[in-house]
C-alpha atoms as a PDB file:
ATOM      1  CA  MET A   1    -118.836  40.029 124.651  1.00  0.00           C
ATOM      2  CA  THR A   2    -116.420  42.914 124.679  1.00  0.00           C
ATOM      3  CA  TYR A   3    -116.374  45.868 122.309  1.00  0.00           C
ATOM      4  CA  LYS A   4    -113.152  44.556 120.764  1.00  0.00           C
ATOM      5  CA  GLU A   5    -114.756  41.156 120.093  1.00  0.00           C
ATOM      6  CA  PHE A   6    -117.743  42.934 118.592  1.00  0.00           C
ATOM      7  CA  LEU A   7    -115.488  44.883 116.212  1.00  0.00           C
ATOM      8  CA  GLU A   8    -113.635  41.714 115.250  1.00  0.00           C
ATOM      9  CA  LEU A   9    -116.913  39.982 114.394  1.00  0.00           C
ATOM     10  CA  LEU A  10    -118.027  42.978 112.357  1.00  0.00           C
ATOM     11  CA  GLU A  11    -114.810  42.770 110.363  1.00  0.00           C
ATOM     12  CA  GLU A  12    -115.168  39.010 109.920  1.00  0.00           C
ATOM     13  CA  LEU A  13    -118.687  39.525 108.605  1.00  0.00           C
ATOM     14  CA  GLN A  14    -117.502  42.333 106.336  1.00  0.00           C
ATOM     15  CA  LEU A  15    -119.723  44.834 108.147  1.00  0.00           C
ATOM     16  CA  ASP A  16    -118.902  48.238 109.576  1.00  0.00           C
ATOM     17  CA  LEU A  17    -120.156  50.476 112.351  1.00  0.00           C
ATOM     18  CA  ASP A  18    -122.609  52.095 109.945  1.00  0.00           C
ATOM     19  CA  SER A  19    -124.234  48.707 109.330  1.00  0.00           C
ATOM     20  CA  ALA A  20    -124.361  47.953 113.044  1.00  0.00           C
ATOM     21  CA  SER A  21    -125.732  51.404 113.780  1.00  0.00           C
ATOM     22  CA  GLU A  22    -128.525  50.977 111.255  1.00  0.00           C
ATOM     23  CA  ALA A  23    -129.399  47.433 112.338  1.00  0.00           C
ATOM     24  CA  LEU A  24    -129.423  48.305 116.038  1.00  0.00           C
ATOM     25  CA  ASP A  25    -131.095  51.691 115.511  1.00  0.00           C
ATOM     26  CA  LEU A  26    -128.316  53.494 117.395  1.00  0.00           C
ATOM     27  CA  GLU A  27    -125.941  56.336 116.676  1.00  0.00           C
ATOM     28  CA  ILE A  28    -122.365  55.337 115.863  1.00  0.00           C
ATOM     29  CA  SER A  29    -121.206  57.385 118.833  1.00  0.00           C
ATOM     30  CA  ASP A  30    -123.430  55.249 121.087  1.00  0.00           C
ATOM     31  CA  ILE A  31    -121.764  52.094 119.775  1.00  0.00           C
ATOM     32  CA  GLU A  32    -118.292  53.586 120.143  1.00  0.00           C
ATOM     33  CA  ALA A  33    -119.126  54.400 123.775  1.00  0.00           C
ATOM     34  CA  TRP A  34    -119.253  50.643 124.466  1.00  0.00           C
ATOM     35  CA  GLU A  35    -115.466  50.658 124.361  1.00  0.00           C
ATOM     36  CA  GLU A  36    -115.534  52.056 127.898  1.00  0.00           C
ATOM     37  CA  GLU A  37    -117.874  49.291 129.122  1.00  0.00           C
ATOM     38  CA  GLU A  38    -116.915  45.761 130.149  1.00  0.00           C
ATOM     39  CA  GLU A  39    -119.528  44.232 127.860  1.00  0.00           C
ATOM     40  CA  ILE A  40    -121.669  45.366 124.979  1.00  0.00           C
ATOM     41  CA  PRO A  41    -125.474  45.354 125.376  1.00  0.00           C
ATOM     42  CA  LYS A  42    -127.108  41.930 125.093  1.00  0.00           C
ATOM     43  CA  SER A  43    -129.237  43.130 122.162  1.00  0.00           C
ATOM     44  CA  ALA A  44    -126.092  43.954 120.185  1.00  0.00           C
ATOM     45  CA  GLU A  45    -124.502  40.635 121.088  1.00  0.00           C
ATOM     46  CA  LYS A  46    -127.636  38.790 119.987  1.00  0.00           C
ATOM     47  CA  TRP A  47    -127.714  40.711 116.691  1.00  0.00           C
ATOM     48  CA  ILE A  48    -124.051  40.102 115.814  1.00  0.00           C
ATOM     49  CA  LYS A  49    -124.345  36.387 116.602  1.00  0.00           C
ATOM     50  CA  LYS A  50    -127.427  36.151 114.384  1.00  0.00           C
ATOM     51  CA  GLU A  51    -125.521  37.895 111.589  1.00  0.00           C
ATOM     52  CA  LYS A  52    -122.661  35.445 112.014  1.00  0.00           C
ATOM     53  CA  VAL A  53    -124.998  32.461 111.632  1.00  0.00           C
ATOM     54  CA  GLU A  54    -126.610  33.975 108.538  1.00  0.00           C
ATOM     55  CA  PHE A  55    -123.205  34.796 107.060  1.00  0.00           C
ATOM     56  CA  ALA A  56    -122.007  31.239 107.625  1.00  0.00           C
ATOM     57  CA  THR A  57    -125.154  29.855 106.029  1.00  0.00           C
ATOM     58  CA  LEU A  58    -124.767  32.043 102.959  1.00  0.00           C
ATOM     59  CA  ASN A  59    -121.115  31.135 102.535  1.00  0.00           C
ATOM     60  CA  ASN A  60    -121.471  27.432 103.232  1.00  0.00           C
ATOM     61  CA  THR A  61    -120.580  25.556 100.077  1.00  0.00           C
ATOM     62  CA  ASN A  62    -121.014  21.908  99.406  1.00  0.00           C
ATOM     63  CA  GLU A  63    -118.684  20.481  96.793  1.00  0.00           C
ATOM     64  CA  ASP A  64    -121.210  17.791  95.884  1.00  0.00           C
ATOM     65  CA  GLU A  65    -123.792  20.421  95.011  1.00  0.00           C
ATOM     66  CA  ASP A  66    -121.254  22.240  92.850  1.00  0.00           C
ATOM     67  CA  PHE A  67    -120.433  18.979  91.125  1.00  0.00           C
ATOM     68  CA  GLU A  68    -124.093  18.404  90.251  1.00  0.00           C
ATOM     69  CA  ASP A  69    -124.310  21.919  88.846  1.00  0.00           C
ATOM     70  CA  GLU A  70    -121.290  21.231  86.651  1.00  0.00           C
ATOM     71  CA  GLU A  71    -122.897  18.021  85.397  1.00  0.00           C
ATOM     72  CA  ASP A  72    -126.041  19.926  84.461  1.00  0.00           C
ATOM     73  CA  GLU A  73    -123.963  22.473  82.568  1.00  0.00           C
ATOM     74  CA  ASN A  74    -122.213  19.678  80.660  1.00  0.00           C
ATOM     75  CA  LEU A  75    -125.562  18.228  79.629  1.00  0.00           C
ATOM     76  CA  ASP A  76    -126.397  21.482  77.921  1.00  0.00           C
ATOM     77  CA  ASP A  77    -123.211  21.179  75.874  1.00  0.00           C
ATOM     78  CA  ASP A  78    -124.426  17.841  74.440  1.00  0.00           C
ATOM     79  CA  ASP A  79    -127.107  19.687  72.495  1.00  0.00           C
ATOM     80  CA  ASP A  80    -124.455  20.736  69.990  1.00  0.00           C
ATOM     81  CA  LEU A  81    -123.413  17.175  69.168  1.00  0.00           C
ATOM     82  CA  ASP A  82    -124.575  15.794  65.860  1.00  0.00           C
ATOM     83  CA  LEU A  83    -125.309  12.141  66.503  1.00  0.00           C
ATOM     84  CA  PRO A  84    -126.839  10.152  63.657  1.00  0.00           C
ATOM     85  CA  VAL A  85    -128.023   7.348  65.945  1.00  0.00           C
ATOM     86  CA  GLU A  86    -131.656   7.538  64.852  1.00  0.00           C
ATOM     87  CA  GLU A  87    -130.773   7.542  61.160  1.00  0.00           C
ATOM     88  CA  GLU A  88    -128.639   4.417  61.493  1.00  0.00           C
ATOM     89  CA  GLU A  89    -131.459   2.582  63.283  1.00  0.00           C
ATOM     90  CA  GLU A  90    -133.897   3.455  60.520  1.00  0.00           C
ATOM     91  CA  GLU A  91    -131.523   2.231  57.795  1.00  0.00           C
ATOM     92  CA  GLU A  92    -131.150  -1.158  59.522  1.00  0.00           C
ATOM     93  CA  LYS A  93    -134.935  -1.741  59.434  1.00  0.00           C
END
């Protein structure tokens, strides 16, 4: 992975060099020096790929799950309804 690809992934993941520096326990200047290299260190590549997987997992939405949540919310709204069903049954007896 090149330095440019690394920067693009950081941007995609909404991270910056400060975040990478902290996670990799390196100075920002050390990371910026990778621009002169053909590839970034394997440890950095492994870290950014792991971050990408975690980011995708956190942002993965399932419309069916959202739909179930909406149904649950609608059930709470039924509490406000005034239904005299029980009273009518008692009167019929």
